[in-house]
Amino acid sequence: MPRPVKCRKVCQLPRASEFRPACGSDCIVTLTVDEYESIRLIDKEGFSQEECAHYMQVARTTAQQIYNSARGKIAEALVGGAALRIEGGAYRLCDGDEACCSCGGCKRHRQKGCGPG
């Protein structure tokens, strides 16, 4: 029996959940919310994989697997001209009860005066 998937902490849902190429392709590649979060943390926020893992509350190897899967899907969508949809995955939204989010993106933490925004 496989080990159950541990929920990954996500600060906020993406602003847009779907991206479509101008050519109007019918193919869709689905990126999970936790994969989106790993791309956001590592590529946009500049986190290391270790920092990303700590933030998402998973092992570093798990963060690396999530990130590699996300990059592969993004490449597939870009090269193949497919739409990219962000949905699903094993995640839980930040509840604002823990210490300040290191990225400062959580709306509840910004209201508490933690981080930028």
PDB file of N, CA and C in Angstrom:
ATOM      1  N   MET A   1       0.855  -1.174   0.000  1.00  0.00           N
ATOM      2  CA  MET A   1       0.000   0.000   0.000  1.00  0.00           C
ATOM      3  C   MET A   1       0.906   1.244   0.000  1.00  0.00           C
ATOM      4  N   PRO A   2       0.660   2.185  -0.913  1.00  0.00           N
ATOM      5  CA  PRO A   2       1.509   3.374  -0.962  1.00  0.00           C
ATOM      6  C   PRO A   2       1.288   4.281   0.245  1.00  0.00           C
ATOM      7  N   ARG A   3       2.319   5.023   0.553  1.00  0.00           N
ATOM      8  CA  ARG A   3       2.270   5.968   1.663  1.00  0.00           C
ATOM      9  C   ARG A   3       1.326   7.123   1.293  1.00  0.00           C
ATOM     10  N   PRO A   4       0.496   7.605   2.233  1.00  0.00           N
ATOM     11  CA  PRO A   4      -0.407   8.718   1.916  1.00  0.00           C
ATOM     12  C   PRO A   4       0.386   9.999   1.624  1.00  0.00           C
ATOM     13  N   VAL A   5      -0.146  10.819   0.727  1.00  0.00           N
ATOM     14  CA  VAL A   5       0.509  12.068   0.361  1.00  0.00           C
ATOM     15  C   VAL A   5       0.274  13.105   1.446  1.00  0.00           C
ATOM     16  N   LYS A   6       1.357  13.747   1.903  1.00  0.00           N
ATOM     17  CA  LYS A   6       1.274  14.785   2.919  1.00  0.00           C
ATOM     18  C   LYS A   6       0.870  16.100   2.256  1.00  0.00           C
ATOM     19  N   CYS A   7      -0.052  16.824   2.852  1.00  0.00           N
ATOM     20  CA  CYS A   7      -0.470  18.106   2.301  1.00  0.00           C
ATOM     21  C   CYS A   7       0.683  19.103   2.363  1.00  0.00           C
ATOM     22  N   ARG A   8       0.825  19.856   1.285  1.00  0.00           N
ATOM     23  CA  ARG A   8       1.887  20.851   1.196  1.00  0.00           C
ATOM     24  C   ARG A   8       1.301  22.221   1.500  1.00  0.00           C
ATOM     25  N   LYS A   9       2.005  23.038   2.271  1.00  0.00           N
ATOM     26  CA  LYS A   9       1.507  24.363   2.624  1.00  0.00           C
ATOM     27  C   LYS A   9       1.653  25.304   1.438  1.00  0.00           C
ATOM     28  N   VAL A  10       0.568  25.987   1.112  1.00  0.00           N
ATOM     29  CA  VAL A  10       0.532  26.954   0.027  1.00  0.00           C
ATOM     30  C   VAL A  10       0.042  28.271   0.618  1.00  0.00           C
ATOM     31  N   CYS A  11       0.721  29.355   0.279  1.00  0.00           N
ATOM     32  CA  CYS A  11       0.388  30.648   0.857  1.00  0.00           C
ATOM     33  C   CYS A  11      -0.905  31.227   0.278  1.00  0.00           C
ATOM     34  N   GLN A  12      -1.040  31.155  -1.028  1.00  0.00           N
ATOM     35  CA  GLN A  12      -2.246  31.695  -1.660  1.00  0.00           C
ATOM     36  C   GLN A  12      -2.470  31.005  -2.993  1.00  0.00           C
ATOM     37  N   LEU A  13      -3.699  30.988  -3.432  1.00  0.00           N
ATOM     38  CA  LEU A  13      -4.021  30.392  -4.731  1.00  0.00           C
ATOM     39  C   LEU A  13      -3.570  31.336  -5.840  1.00  0.00           C
ATOM     40  N   PRO A  14      -3.299  30.798  -7.032  1.00  0.00           N
ATOM     41  CA  PRO A  14      -2.870  31.665  -8.135  1.00  0.00           C
ATOM     42  C   PRO A  14      -3.969  32.642  -8.535  1.00  0.00           C
ATOM     43  N   ARG A  15      -3.569  33.818  -9.018  1.00  0.00           N
ATOM     44  CA  ARG A  15      -4.539  34.834  -9.449  1.00  0.00           C
ATOM     45  C   ARG A  15      -5.291  34.389 -10.691  1.00  0.00           C
ATOM     46  N   ALA A  16      -4.603  33.695 -11.581  1.00  0.00           N
ATOM     47  CA  ALA A  16      -5.223  33.159 -12.792  1.00  0.00           C
ATOM     48  C   ALA A  16      -5.037  31.646 -12.772  1.00  0.00           C
ATOM     49  N   SER A  17      -6.076  30.911 -13.101  1.00  0.00           N
ATOM     50  CA  SER A  17      -5.984  29.452 -13.030  1.00  0.00           C
ATOM     51  C   SER A  17      -5.821  28.794 -14.397  1.00  0.00           C
ATOM     52  N   GLU A  18      -5.834  29.599 -15.462  1.00  0.00           N
ATOM     53  CA  GLU A  18      -5.673  29.010 -16.786  1.00  0.00           C
ATOM     54  C   GLU A  18      -4.998  29.995 -17.737  1.00  0.00           C
ATOM     55  N   PHE A  19      -4.092  29.450 -18.545  1.00  0.00           N
ATOM     56  CA  PHE A  19      -3.384  30.223 -19.559  1.00  0.00           C
ATOM     57  C   PHE A  19      -3.538  29.498 -20.880  1.00  0.00           C
ATOM     58  N   ARG A  20      -3.925  30.224 -21.915  1.00  0.00           N
ATOM     59  CA  ARG A  20      -4.155  29.613 -23.219  1.00  0.00           C
ATOM     60  C   ARG A  20      -3.289  30.287 -24.271  1.00  0.00           C
ATOM     61  N   PRO A  21      -2.726  29.500 -25.189  1.00  0.00           N
ATOM     62  CA  PRO A  21      -1.956  30.092 -26.285  1.00  0.00           C
ATOM     63  C   PRO A  21      -2.884  30.777 -27.280  1.00  0.00           C
ATOM     64  N   ALA A  22      -2.347  31.733 -28.001  1.00  0.00           N
ATOM     65  CA  ALA A  22      -3.142  32.482 -28.980  1.00  0.00           C
ATOM     66  C   ALA A  22      -3.680  31.583 -30.085  1.00  0.00           C
ATOM     67  N   CYS A  23      -3.003  30.460 -30.358  1.00  0.00           N
ATOM     68  CA  CYS A  23      -3.440  29.578 -31.442  1.00  0.00           C
ATOM     69  C   CYS A  23      -4.704  28.798 -31.088  1.00  0.00           C
ATOM     70  N   GLY A  24      -5.120  28.820 -29.814  1.00  0.00           N
ATOM     71  CA  GLY A  24      -6.365  28.170 -29.418  1.00  0.00           C
ATOM     72  C   GLY A  24      -6.311  26.656 -29.405  1.00  0.00           C
ATOM     73  N   SER A  25      -5.234  26.080 -28.926  1.00  0.00           N
ATOM     74  CA  SER A  25      -5.066  24.634 -28.866  1.00  0.00           C
ATOM     75  C   SER A  25      -6.102  23.991 -27.932  1.00  0.00           C
ATOM     76  N   ASP A  26      -6.518  22.771 -28.275  1.00  0.00           N
ATOM     77  CA  ASP A  26      -7.467  22.033 -27.439  1.00  0.00           C
ATOM     78  C   ASP A  26      -6.771  21.234 -26.343  1.00  0.00           C
ATOM     79  N   CYS A  27      -5.455  21.068 -26.455  1.00  0.00           N
ATOM     80  CA  CYS A  27      -4.696  20.298 -25.461  1.00  0.00           C
ATOM     81  C   CYS A  27      -4.548  21.109 -24.177  1.00  0.00           C
ATOM     82  N   ILE A  28      -4.682  20.424 -23.046  1.00  0.00           N
ATOM     83  CA  ILE A  28      -4.549  21.088 -21.747  1.00  0.00           C
ATOM     84  C   ILE A  28      -3.553  20.310 -20.893  1.00  0.00           C
ATOM     85  N   VAL A  29      -2.612  21.022 -20.289  1.00  0.00           N
ATOM     86  CA  VAL A  29      -1.672  20.456 -19.325  1.00  0.00           C
ATOM     87  C   VAL A  29      -2.092  20.987 -17.957  1.00  0.00           C
ATOM     88  N   THR A  30      -2.253  20.083 -16.985  1.00  0.00           N
ATOM     89  CA  THR A  30      -2.701  20.488 -15.657  1.00  0.00           C
ATOM     90  C   THR A  30      -1.534  20.524 -14.689  1.00  0.00           C
ATOM     91  N   LEU A  31      -1.326  21.690 -14.105  1.00  0.00           N
ATOM     92  CA  LEU A  31      -0.313  21.932 -13.084  1.00  0.00           C
ATOM     93  C   LEU A  31      -1.044  21.979 -11.751  1.00  0.00           C
ATOM     94  N   THR A  32      -0.602  21.208 -10.760  1.00  0.00           N
ATOM     95  CA  THR A  32      -1.282  21.230  -9.461  1.00  0.00           C
ATOM     96  C   THR A  32      -0.909  22.506  -8.707  1.00  0.00           C
ATOM     97  N   VAL A  33      -1.713  22.859  -7.726  1.00  0.00           N
ATOM     98  CA  VAL A  33      -1.482  24.076  -6.948  1.00  0.00           C
ATOM     99  C   VAL A  33      -0.146  24.000  -6.213  1.00  0.00           C
ATOM    100  N   ASP A  34       0.215  22.825  -5.690  1.00  0.00           N
ATOM    101  CA  ASP A  34       1.504  22.708  -4.994  1.00  0.00           C
ATOM    102  C   ASP A  34       2.668  22.813  -5.973  1.00  0.00           C
ATOM    103  N   GLU A  35       2.495  22.363  -7.206  1.00  0.00           N
ATOM    104  CA  GLU A  35       3.529  22.548  -8.227  1.00  0.00           C
ATOM    105  C   GLU A  35       3.669  24.036  -8.562  1.00  0.00           C
ATOM    106  N   TYR A  36       2.550  24.718  -8.693  1.00  0.00           N
ATOM    107  CA  TYR A  36       2.559  26.167  -8.927  1.00  0.00           C
ATOM    108  C   TYR A  36       3.311  26.875  -7.798  1.00  0.00           C
ATOM    109  N   GLU A  37       3.034  26.483  -6.561  1.00  0.00           N
ATOM    110  CA  GLU A  37       3.675  27.118  -5.406  1.00  0.00           C
ATOM    111  C   GLU A  37       5.187  26.909  -5.428  1.00  0.00           C
ATOM    112  N   SER A  38       5.638  25.717  -5.821  1.00  0.00           N
ATOM    113  CA  SER A  38       7.082  25.478  -5.881  1.00  0.00           C
ATOM    114  C   SER A  38       7.732  26.361  -6.951  1.00  0.00           C
ATOM    115  N   ILE A  39       7.084  26.537  -8.089  1.00  0.00           N
ATOM    116  CA  ILE A  39       7.595  27.426  -9.136  1.00  0.00           C
ATOM    117  C   ILE A  39       7.636  28.865  -8.625  1.00  0.00           C
ATOM    118  N   ARG A  40       6.582  29.279  -7.940  1.00  0.00           N
ATOM    119  CA  ARG A  40       6.514  30.644  -7.411  1.00  0.00           C
ATOM    120  C   ARG A  40       7.640  30.894  -6.407  1.00  0.00           C
ATOM    121  N   LEU A  41       7.819  29.942  -5.492  1.00  0.00           N
ATOM    122  CA  LEU A  41       8.825  30.129  -4.450  1.00  0.00           C
ATOM    123  C   LEU A  41      10.249  30.096  -5.007  1.00  0.00           C
ATOM    124  N   ILE A  42      10.544  29.117  -5.845  1.00  0.00           N
ATOM    125  CA  ILE A  42      11.923  28.935  -6.326  1.00  0.00           C
ATOM    126  C   ILE A  42      12.260  29.919  -7.440  1.00  0.00           C
ATOM    127  N   ASP A  43      11.413  30.023  -8.451  1.00  0.00           N
ATOM    128  CA  ASP A  43      11.747  30.852  -9.607  1.00  0.00           C
ATOM    129  C   ASP A  43      11.407  32.328  -9.429  1.00  0.00           C
ATOM    130  N   LYS A  44      10.321  32.640  -8.762  1.00  0.00           N
ATOM    131  CA  LYS A  44       9.940  34.048  -8.606  1.00  0.00           C
ATOM    132  C   LYS A  44      10.519  34.662  -7.336  1.00  0.00           C
ATOM    133  N   GLU A  45      10.400  33.948  -6.216  1.00  0.00           N
ATOM    134  CA  GLU A  45      10.857  34.496  -4.936  1.00  0.00           C
ATOM    135  C   GLU A  45      12.344  34.248  -4.674  1.00  0.00           C
ATOM    136  N   GLY A  46      12.961  33.335  -5.451  1.00  0.00           N
ATOM    137  CA  GLY A  46      14.391  33.083  -5.296  1.00  0.00           C
ATOM    138  C   GLY A  46      14.763  32.146  -4.156  1.00  0.00           C
ATOM    139  N   PHE A  47      13.815  31.347  -3.676  1.00  0.00           N
ATOM    140  CA  PHE A  47      14.106  30.390  -2.613  1.00  0.00           C
ATOM    141  C   PHE A  47      15.000  29.280  -3.162  1.00  0.00           C
ATOM    142  N   SER A  48      15.813  28.691  -2.300  1.00  0.00           N
ATOM    143  CA  SER A  48      16.511  27.456  -2.655  1.00  0.00           C
ATOM    144  C   SER A  48      15.493  26.323  -2.509  1.00  0.00           C
ATOM    145  N   GLN A  49      15.837  25.146  -3.031  1.00  0.00           N
ATOM    146  CA  GLN A  49      14.925  24.006  -2.867  1.00  0.00           C
ATOM    147  C   GLN A  49      14.759  23.670  -1.388  1.00  0.00           C
ATOM    148  N   GLU A  50      15.806  23.829  -0.617  1.00  0.00           N
ATOM    149  CA  GLU A  50      15.724  23.554   0.819  1.00  0.00           C
ATOM    150  C   GLU A  50      14.791  24.544   1.508  1.00  0.00           C
ATOM    151  N   GLU A  51      14.885  25.828   1.164  1.00  0.00           N
ATOM    152  CA  GLU A  51      13.998  26.832   1.744  1.00  0.00           C
ATOM    153  C   GLU A  51      12.549  26.593   1.317  1.00  0.00           C
ATOM    154  N   CYS A  52      12.370  26.217   0.064  1.00  0.00           N
ATOM    155  CA  CYS A  52      11.036  25.907  -0.449  1.00  0.00           C
ATOM    156  C   CYS A  52      10.431  24.735   0.323  1.00  0.00           C
ATOM    157  N   ALA A  53      11.231  23.704   0.539  1.00  0.00           N
ATOM    158  CA  ALA A  53      10.768  22.525   1.279  1.00  0.00           C
ATOM    159  C   ALA A  53      10.356  22.900   2.697  1.00  0.00           C
ATOM    160  N   HIS A  54      11.180  23.718   3.353  1.00  0.00           N
ATOM    161  CA  HIS A  54      10.868  24.151   4.723  1.00  0.00           C
ATOM    162  C   HIS A  54       9.560  24.942   4.734  1.00  0.00           C
ATOM    163  N   TYR A  55       9.414  25.849   3.786  1.00  0.00           N
ATOM    164  CA  TYR A  55       8.216  26.675   3.719  1.00  0.00           C
ATOM    165  C   TYR A  55       6.966  25.833   3.456  1.00  0.00           C
ATOM    166  N   MET A  56       7.066  24.871   2.513  1.00  0.00           N
ATOM    167  CA  MET A  56       5.912  24.043   2.160  1.00  0.00           C
ATOM    168  C   MET A  56       5.696  22.890   3.139  1.00  0.00           C
ATOM    169  N   GLN A  57       6.616  22.749   4.097  1.00  0.00           N
ATOM    170  CA  GLN A  57       6.547  21.732   5.151  1.00  0.00           C
ATOM    171  C   GLN A  57       6.599  20.315   4.588  1.00  0.00           C
ATOM    172  N   VAL A  58       7.570  20.099   3.674  1.00  0.00           N
ATOM    173  CA  VAL A  58       7.833  18.779   3.110  1.00  0.00           C
ATOM    174  C   VAL A  58       9.343  18.544   3.122  1.00  0.00           C
ATOM    175  N   ALA A  59       9.759  17.327   2.805  1.00  0.00           N
ATOM    176  CA  ALA A  59      11.186  17.014   2.712  1.00  0.00           C
ATOM    177  C   ALA A  59      11.782  17.686   1.478  1.00  0.00           C
ATOM    178  N   ARG A  60      13.088  17.956   1.506  1.00  0.00           N
ATOM    179  CA  ARG A  60      13.751  18.596   0.374  1.00  0.00           C
ATOM    180  C   ARG A  60      13.614  17.772  -0.899  1.00  0.00           C
ATOM    181  N   THR A  61      13.718  16.446  -0.761  1.00  0.00           N
ATOM    182  CA  THR A  61      13.580  15.587  -1.944  1.00  0.00           C
ATOM    183  C   THR A  61      12.174  15.681  -2.527  1.00  0.00           C
ATOM    184  N   THR A  62      11.171  15.831  -1.677  1.00  0.00           N
ATOM    185  CA  THR A  62       9.792  15.988  -2.144  1.00  0.00           C
ATOM    186  C   THR A  62       9.646  17.319  -2.871  1.00  0.00           C
ATOM    187  N   ALA A  63      10.207  18.373  -2.310  1.00  0.00           N
ATOM    188  CA  ALA A  63      10.153  19.689  -2.960  1.00  0.00           C
ATOM    189  C   ALA A  63      10.819  19.623  -4.335  1.00  0.00           C
ATOM    190  N   GLN A  64      11.932  18.909  -4.423  1.00  0.00           N
ATOM    191  CA  GLN A  64      12.638  18.762  -5.697  1.00  0.00           C
ATOM    192  C   GLN A  64      11.770  18.008  -6.706  1.00  0.00           C
ATOM    193  N   GLN A  65      11.093  16.957  -6.266  1.00  0.00           N
ATOM    194  CA  GLN A  65      10.211  16.196  -7.157  1.00  0.00           C
ATOM    195  C   GLN A  65       9.038  17.054  -7.644  1.00  0.00           C
ATOM    196  N   ILE A  66       8.454  17.828  -6.744  1.00  0.00           N
ATOM    197  CA  ILE A  66       7.334  18.709  -7.099  1.00  0.00           C
ATOM    198  C   ILE A  66       7.795  19.731  -8.134  1.00  0.00           C
ATOM    199  N   TYR A  67       8.956  20.345  -7.874  1.00  0.00           N
ATOM    200  CA  TYR A  67       9.503  21.369  -8.761  1.00  0.00           C
ATOM    201  C   TYR A  67       9.840  20.798 -10.138  1.00  0.00           C
ATOM    202  N   ASN A  68      10.488  19.643 -10.164  1.00  0.00           N
ATOM    203  CA  ASN A  68      10.843  19.019 -11.446  1.00  0.00           C
ATOM    204  C   ASN A  68       9.596  18.657 -12.252  1.00  0.00           C
ATOM    205  N   SER A  69       8.572  18.166 -11.580  1.00  0.00           N
ATOM    206  CA  SER A  69       7.321  17.832 -12.254  1.00  0.00           C
ATOM    207  C   SER A  69       6.690  19.093 -12.842  1.00  0.00           C
ATOM    208  N   ALA A  70       6.688  20.174 -12.066  1.00  0.00           N
ATOM    209  CA  ALA A  70       6.106  21.441 -12.527  1.00  0.00           C
ATOM    210  C   ALA A  70       6.851  21.973 -13.738  1.00  0.00           C
ATOM    211  N   ARG A  71       8.168  21.953 -13.700  1.00  0.00           N
ATOM    212  CA  ARG A  71       8.958  22.460 -14.831  1.00  0.00           C
ATOM    213  C   ARG A  71       8.706  21.628 -16.091  1.00  0.00           C
ATOM    214  N   GLY A  72       8.588  20.321 -15.924  1.00  0.00           N
ATOM    215  CA  GLY A  72       8.300  19.463 -17.068  1.00  0.00           C
ATOM    216  C   GLY A  72       6.955  19.781 -17.696  1.00  0.00           C
ATOM    217  N   LYS A  73       5.955  20.033 -16.865  1.00  0.00           N
ATOM    218  CA  LYS A  73       4.616  20.352 -17.371  1.00  0.00           C
ATOM    219  C   LYS A  73       4.589  21.712 -18.056  1.00  0.00           C
ATOM    220  N   ILE A  74       5.301  22.685 -17.488  1.00  0.00           N
ATOM    221  CA  ILE A  74       5.356  24.009 -18.106  1.00  0.00           C
ATOM    222  C   ILE A  74       6.049  23.917 -19.465  1.00  0.00           C
ATOM    223  N   ALA A  75       7.133  23.172 -19.528  1.00  0.00           N
ATOM    224  CA  ALA A  75       7.840  22.980 -20.801  1.00  0.00           C
ATOM    225  C   ALA A  75       6.942  22.294 -21.822  1.00  0.00           C
ATOM    226  N   GLU A  76       6.206  21.290 -21.378  1.00  0.00           N
ATOM    227  CA  GLU A  76       5.284  20.584 -22.278  1.00  0.00           C
ATOM    228  C   GLU A  76       4.243  21.541 -22.858  1.00  0.00           C
ATOM    229  N   ALA A  77       3.693  22.420 -22.004  1.00  0.00           N
ATOM    230  CA  ALA A  77       2.685  23.375 -22.463  1.00  0.00           C
ATOM    231  C   ALA A  77       3.285  24.391 -23.424  1.00  0.00           C
ATOM    232  N   LEU A  78       4.465  24.910 -23.107  1.00  0.00           N
ATOM    233  CA  LEU A  78       5.088  25.922 -23.958  1.00  0.00           C
ATOM    234  C   LEU A  78       5.519  25.351 -25.306  1.00  0.00           C
ATOM    235  N   VAL A  79       6.203  24.234 -25.275  1.00  0.00           N
ATOM    236  CA  VAL A  79       6.725  23.640 -26.507  1.00  0.00           C
ATOM    237  C   VAL A  79       5.593  23.080 -27.362  1.00  0.00           C
ATOM    238  N   GLY A  80       4.611  22.471 -26.725  1.00  0.00           N
ATOM    239  CA  GLY A  80       3.512  21.857 -27.461  1.00  0.00           C
ATOM    240  C   GLY A  80       2.380  22.796 -27.791  1.00  0.00           C
ATOM    241  N   GLY A  81       2.436  24.043 -27.313  1.00  0.00           N
ATOM    242  CA  GLY A  81       1.360  24.994 -27.583  1.00  0.00           C
ATOM    243  C   GLY A  81       0.056  24.642 -26.902  1.00  0.00           C
ATOM    244  N   ALA A  82       0.152  24.004 -25.725  1.00  0.00           N
ATOM    245  CA  ALA A  82      -1.043  23.585 -24.994  1.00  0.00           C
ATOM    246  C   ALA A  82      -1.443  24.627 -23.954  1.00  0.00           C
ATOM    247  N   ALA A  83      -2.707  24.589 -23.570  1.00  0.00           N
ATOM    248  CA  ALA A  83      -3.183  25.434 -22.479  1.00  0.00           C
ATOM    249  C   ALA A  83      -2.618  24.894 -21.171  1.00  0.00           C
ATOM    250  N   LEU A  84      -2.452  25.762 -20.198  1.00  0.00           N
ATOM    251  CA  LEU A  84      -1.944  25.378 -18.883  1.00  0.00           C
ATOM    252  C   LEU A  84      -3.008  25.712 -17.856  1.00  0.00           C
ATOM    253  N   ARG A  85      -3.483  24.698 -17.147  1.00  0.00           N
ATOM    254  CA  ARG A  85      -4.523  24.882 -16.131  1.00  0.00           C
ATOM    255  C   ARG A  85      -3.915  24.550 -14.770  1.00  0.00           C
ATOM    256  N   ILE A  86      -4.220  25.378 -13.758  1.00  0.00           N
ATOM    257  CA  ILE A  86      -3.713  25.155 -12.402  1.00  0.00           C
ATOM    258  C   ILE A  86      -4.892  24.768 -11.525  1.00  0.00           C
ATOM    259  N   GLU A  87      -4.845  23.522 -11.015  1.00  0.00           N
ATOM    260  CA  GLU A  87      -5.928  23.041 -10.145  1.00  0.00           C
ATOM    261  C   GLU A  87      -5.503  21.765  -9.448  1.00  0.00           C
ATOM    262  N   GLY A  88      -6.133  21.479  -8.326  1.00  0.00           N
ATOM    263  CA  GLY A  88      -5.927  20.221  -7.627  1.00  0.00           C
ATOM    264  C   GLY A  88      -4.596  20.106  -6.914  1.00  0.00           C
ATOM    265  N   GLY A  89      -4.290  18.894  -6.496  1.00  0.00           N
ATOM    266  CA  GLY A  89      -3.052  18.628  -5.773  1.00  0.00           C
ATOM    267  C   GLY A  89      -3.294  18.437  -4.291  1.00  0.00           C
ATOM    268  N   ALA A  90      -2.257  18.011  -3.605  1.00  0.00           N
ATOM    269  CA  ALA A  90      -2.335  17.781  -2.160  1.00  0.00           C
ATOM    270  C   ALA A  90      -1.771  19.008  -1.454  1.00  0.00           C
ATOM    271  N   TYR A  91      -2.626  19.951  -1.122  1.00  0.00           N
ATOM    272  CA  TYR A  91      -2.161  21.179  -0.492  1.00  0.00           C
ATOM    273  C   TYR A  91      -3.155  21.651   0.555  1.00  0.00           C
ATOM    274  N   ARG A  92      -2.673  22.543   1.402  1.00  0.00           N
ATOM    275  CA  ARG A  92      -3.541  23.239   2.348  1.00  0.00           C
ATOM    276  C   ARG A  92      -3.123  24.699   2.339  1.00  0.00           C
ATOM    277  N   LEU A  93      -4.094  25.582   2.382  1.00  0.00           N
ATOM    278  CA  LEU A  93      -3.790  27.004   2.385  1.00  0.00           C
ATOM    279  C   LEU A  93      -3.287  27.433   3.749  1.00  0.00           C
ATOM    280  N   CYS A  94      -2.368  28.366   3.752  1.00  0.00           N
ATOM    281  CA  CYS A  94      -1.831  28.931   4.981  1.00  0.00           C
ATOM    282  C   CYS A  94      -2.996  29.500   5.786  1.00  0.00           C
ATOM    283  N   ASP A  95      -3.065  29.147   7.059  1.00  0.00           N
ATOM    284  CA  ASP A  95      -4.176  29.619   7.885  1.00  0.00           C
ATOM    285  C   ASP A  95      -3.862  30.909   8.626  1.00  0.00           C
ATOM    286  N   GLY A  96      -2.622  31.384   8.528  1.00  0.00           N
ATOM    287  CA  GLY A  96      -2.256  32.634   9.180  1.00  0.00           C
ATOM    288  C   GLY A  96      -1.928  32.488  10.648  1.00  0.00           C
ATOM    289  N   ASP A  97      -1.968  31.275  11.183  1.00  0.00           N
ATOM    290  CA  ASP A  97      -1.708  31.073  12.608  1.00  0.00           C
ATOM    291  C   ASP A  97      -0.245  30.821  12.938  1.00  0.00           C
ATOM    292  N   GLU A  98       0.550  30.408  11.925  1.00  0.00           N
ATOM    293  CA  GLU A  98       1.957  30.162  12.201  1.00  0.00           C
ATOM    294  C   GLU A  98       2.749  31.457  12.125  1.00  0.00           C
ATOM    295  N   ALA A  99       4.059  31.352  12.333  1.00  0.00           N
ATOM    296  CA  ALA A  99       4.922  32.533  12.245  1.00  0.00           C
ATOM    297  C   ALA A  99       4.795  33.142  10.854  1.00  0.00           C
ATOM    298  N   CYS A 100       5.288  34.340  10.702  1.00  0.00           N
ATOM    299  CA  CYS A 100       5.187  35.056   9.419  1.00  0.00           C
ATOM    300  C   CYS A 100       5.643  34.193   8.264  1.00  0.00           C
ATOM    301  N   CYS A 101       4.904  34.239   7.165  1.00  0.00           N
ATOM    302  CA  CYS A 101       5.333  33.555   5.949  1.00  0.00           C
ATOM    303  C   CYS A 101       6.632  34.191   5.488  1.00  0.00           C
ATOM    304  N   SER A 102       7.575  33.366   5.141  1.00  0.00           N
ATOM    305  CA  SER A 102       8.854  33.906   4.715  1.00  0.00           C
ATOM    306  C   SER A 102       8.759  34.635   3.388  1.00  0.00           C
ATOM    307  N   CYS A 103       7.708  34.365   2.611  1.00  0.00           N
ATOM    308  CA  CYS A 103       7.569  35.075   1.337  1.00  0.00           C
ATOM    309  C   CYS A 103       6.734  36.339   1.502  1.00  0.00           C
ATOM    310  N   GLY A 104       5.992  36.462   2.602  1.00  0.00           N
ATOM    311  CA  GLY A 104       5.167  37.645   2.829  1.00  0.00           C
ATOM    312  C   GLY A 104       3.921  37.694   1.972  1.00  0.00           C
ATOM    313  N   GLY A 105       3.559  36.582   1.331  1.00  0.00           N
ATOM    314  CA  GLY A 105       2.439  36.601   0.395  1.00  0.00           C
ATOM    315  C   GLY A 105       1.078  36.338   0.997  1.00  0.00           C
ATOM    316  N   CYS A 106       1.020  35.808   2.189  1.00  0.00           N
ATOM    317  CA  CYS A 106      -0.257  35.442   2.789  1.00  0.00           C
ATOM    318  C   CYS A 106      -1.033  36.692   3.216  1.00  0.00           C
ATOM    319  N   LYS A 107      -2.261  36.818   2.756  1.00  0.00           N
ATOM    320  CA  LYS A 107      -3.071  37.990   3.081  1.00  0.00           C
ATOM    321  C   LYS A 107      -3.238  38.162   4.591  1.00  0.00           C
ATOM    322  N   ARG A 108      -3.443  37.080   5.307  1.00  0.00           N
ATOM    323  CA  ARG A 108      -3.618  37.178   6.760  1.00  0.00           C
ATOM    324  C   ARG A 108      -2.366  37.698   7.439  1.00  0.00           C
ATOM    325  N   HIS A 109      -1.200  37.268   6.967  1.00  0.00           N
ATOM    326  CA  HIS A 109       0.043  37.760   7.564  1.00  0.00           C
ATOM    327  C   HIS A 109       0.291  39.225   7.234  1.00  0.00           C
ATOM    328  N   ARG A 110      -0.088  39.656   6.035  1.00  0.00           N
ATOM    329  CA  ARG A 110       0.062  41.076   5.692  1.00  0.00           C
ATOM    330  C   ARG A 110      -0.829  41.918   6.600  1.00  0.00           C
ATOM    331  N   GLN A 111      -2.029  41.407   6.931  1.00  0.00           N
ATOM    332  CA  GLN A 111      -2.917  42.141   7.814  1.00  0.00           C
ATOM    333  C   GLN A 111      -2.340  42.233   9.227  1.00  0.00           C
ATOM    334  N   LYS A 112      -1.557  41.229   9.629  1.00  0.00           N
ATOM    335  CA  LYS A 112      -0.925  41.226  10.944  1.00  0.00           C
ATOM    336  C   LYS A 112       0.351  42.066  10.959  1.00  0.00           C
ATOM    337  N   GLY A 113       0.748  42.585   9.801  1.00  0.00           N
ATOM    338  CA  GLY A 113       1.942  43.406   9.738  1.00  0.00           C
ATOM    339  C   GLY A 113       3.209  42.608   9.474  1.00  0.00           C
ATOM    340  N   CYS A 114       3.086  41.393   9.002  1.00  0.00           N
ATOM    341  CA  CYS A 114       4.245  40.554   8.700  1.00  0.00           C
ATOM    342  C   CYS A 114       4.532  40.616   7.209  1.00  0.00           C
ATOM    343  N   GLY A 115       5.677  40.990   6.846  1.00  0.00           N
ATOM    344  CA  GLY A 115       6.087  40.940   5.444  1.00  0.00           C
ATOM    345  C   GLY A 115       5.565  42.112   4.623  1.00  0.00           C
ATOM    346  N   PRO A 116       5.901  42.134   3.322  1.00  0.00           N
ATOM    347  CA  PRO A 116       5.540  43.242   2.448  1.00  0.00           C
ATOM    348  C   PRO A 116       4.062  43.256   2.111  1.00  0.00           C
ATOM    349  N   GLY A 117       3.589  44.380   1.658  1.00  0.00           N
ATOM    350  CA  GLY A 117       2.234  44.423   1.161  1.00  0.00           C
ATOM    351  C   GLY A 117       1.404  45.450   1.758  1.00  0.00           C
TER     352      GLY A 117
END
